[in-house]
Amino acid sequence: MTSIMFSNIRCSNRIQN
């Protein structure tokens, strides 16, 4: 579960950047 959350945050961060 933590892995999915971390992955989601990383994806969001990449889109924002």
PDB file of N, CA and C in Angstrom:
ATOM      1  N   MET A   1       0.849  -1.206   0.000  1.00  0.00           N
ATOM      2  CA  MET A   1       0.000   0.000   0.000  1.00  0.00           C
ATOM      3  C   MET A   1       0.886   1.259   0.000  1.00  0.00           C
ATOM      4  N   THR A   2       1.910   1.242   0.807  1.00  0.00           N
ATOM      5  CA  THR A   2       2.789   2.434   0.857  1.00  0.00           C
ATOM      6  C   THR A   2       3.448   2.658  -0.504  1.00  0.00           C
ATOM      7  N   SER A   3       3.806   1.556  -1.147  1.00  0.00           N
ATOM      8  CA  SER A   3       4.477   1.672  -2.458  1.00  0.00           C
ATOM      9  C   SER A   3       3.562   2.391  -3.455  1.00  0.00           C
ATOM     10  N   ILE A   4       2.304   2.034  -3.456  1.00  0.00           N
ATOM     11  CA  ILE A   4       1.363   2.669  -4.402  1.00  0.00           C
ATOM     12  C   ILE A   4       1.241   4.165  -4.092  1.00  0.00           C
ATOM     13  N   MET A   5       1.141   4.485  -2.825  1.00  0.00           N
ATOM     14  CA  MET A   5       1.007   5.906  -2.444  1.00  0.00           C
ATOM     15  C   MET A   5       2.254   6.680  -2.876  1.00  0.00           C
ATOM     16  N   PHE A   6       3.414   6.098  -2.603  1.00  0.00           N
ATOM     17  CA  PHE A   6       4.672   6.766  -2.969  1.00  0.00           C
ATOM     18  C   PHE A   6       4.727   6.972  -4.486  1.00  0.00           C
ATOM     19  N   SER A   7       4.345   5.940  -5.214  1.00  0.00           N
ATOM     20  CA  SER A   7       4.364   6.015  -6.689  1.00  0.00           C
ATOM     21  C   SER A   7       3.417   7.125  -7.158  1.00  0.00           C
ATOM     22  N   ASN A   8       2.257   7.180  -6.567  1.00  0.00           N
ATOM     23  CA  ASN A   8       1.268   8.195  -6.957  1.00  0.00           C
ATOM     24  C   ASN A   8       1.822   9.593  -6.692  1.00  0.00           C
ATOM     25  N   ILE A   9       2.444   9.786  -5.557  1.00  0.00           N
ATOM     26  CA  ILE A   9       2.993  11.117  -5.220  1.00  0.00           C
ATOM     27  C   ILE A   9       4.092  11.461  -6.227  1.00  0.00           C
ATOM     28  N   ARG A  10       4.923  10.495  -6.541  1.00  0.00           N
ATOM     29  CA  ARG A  10       6.036  10.762  -7.491  1.00  0.00           C
ATOM     30  C   ARG A  10       5.440  11.162  -8.856  1.00  0.00           C
ATOM     31  N   CYS A  11       4.432  10.460  -9.296  1.00  0.00           N
ATOM     32  CA  CYS A  11       3.807  10.769 -10.596  1.00  0.00           C
ATOM     33  C   CYS A  11       3.224  12.189 -10.549  1.00  0.00           C
ATOM     34  N   SER A  12       2.535  12.495  -9.486  1.00  0.00           N
ATOM     35  CA  SER A  12       1.920  13.831  -9.345  1.00  0.00           C
ATOM     36  C   SER A  12       3.014  14.900  -9.354  1.00  0.00           C
ATOM     37  N   ASN A  13       4.085  14.625  -8.636  1.00  0.00           N
ATOM     38  CA  ASN A  13       5.176  15.600  -8.558  1.00  0.00           C
ATOM     39  C   ASN A  13       5.749  15.821  -9.957  1.00  0.00           C
ATOM     40  N   ARG A  14       5.911  14.759 -10.699  1.00  0.00           N
ATOM     41  CA  ARG A  14       6.497  14.874 -12.060  1.00  0.00           C
ATOM     42  C   ARG A  14       5.553  15.714 -12.933  1.00  0.00           C
ATOM     43  N   ILE A  15       4.276  15.517 -12.838  1.00  0.00           N
ATOM     44  CA  ILE A  15       3.317  16.274 -13.670  1.00  0.00           C
ATOM     45  C   ILE A  15       3.345  17.754 -13.256  1.00  0.00           C
ATOM     46  N   GLN A  16       3.420  17.998 -11.953  1.00  0.00           N
ATOM     47  CA  GLN A  16       3.434  19.389 -11.470  1.00  0.00           C
ATOM     48  C   GLN A  16       4.715  20.070 -11.929  1.00  0.00           C
ATOM     49  N   ASN A  17       5.821  19.328 -11.882  1.00  0.00           N
ATOM     50  CA  ASN A  17       7.096  19.917 -12.278  1.00  0.00           C
ATOM     51  C   ASN A  17       7.058  20.053 -13.787  1.00  0.00           C
TER      52      ASN A  17
END
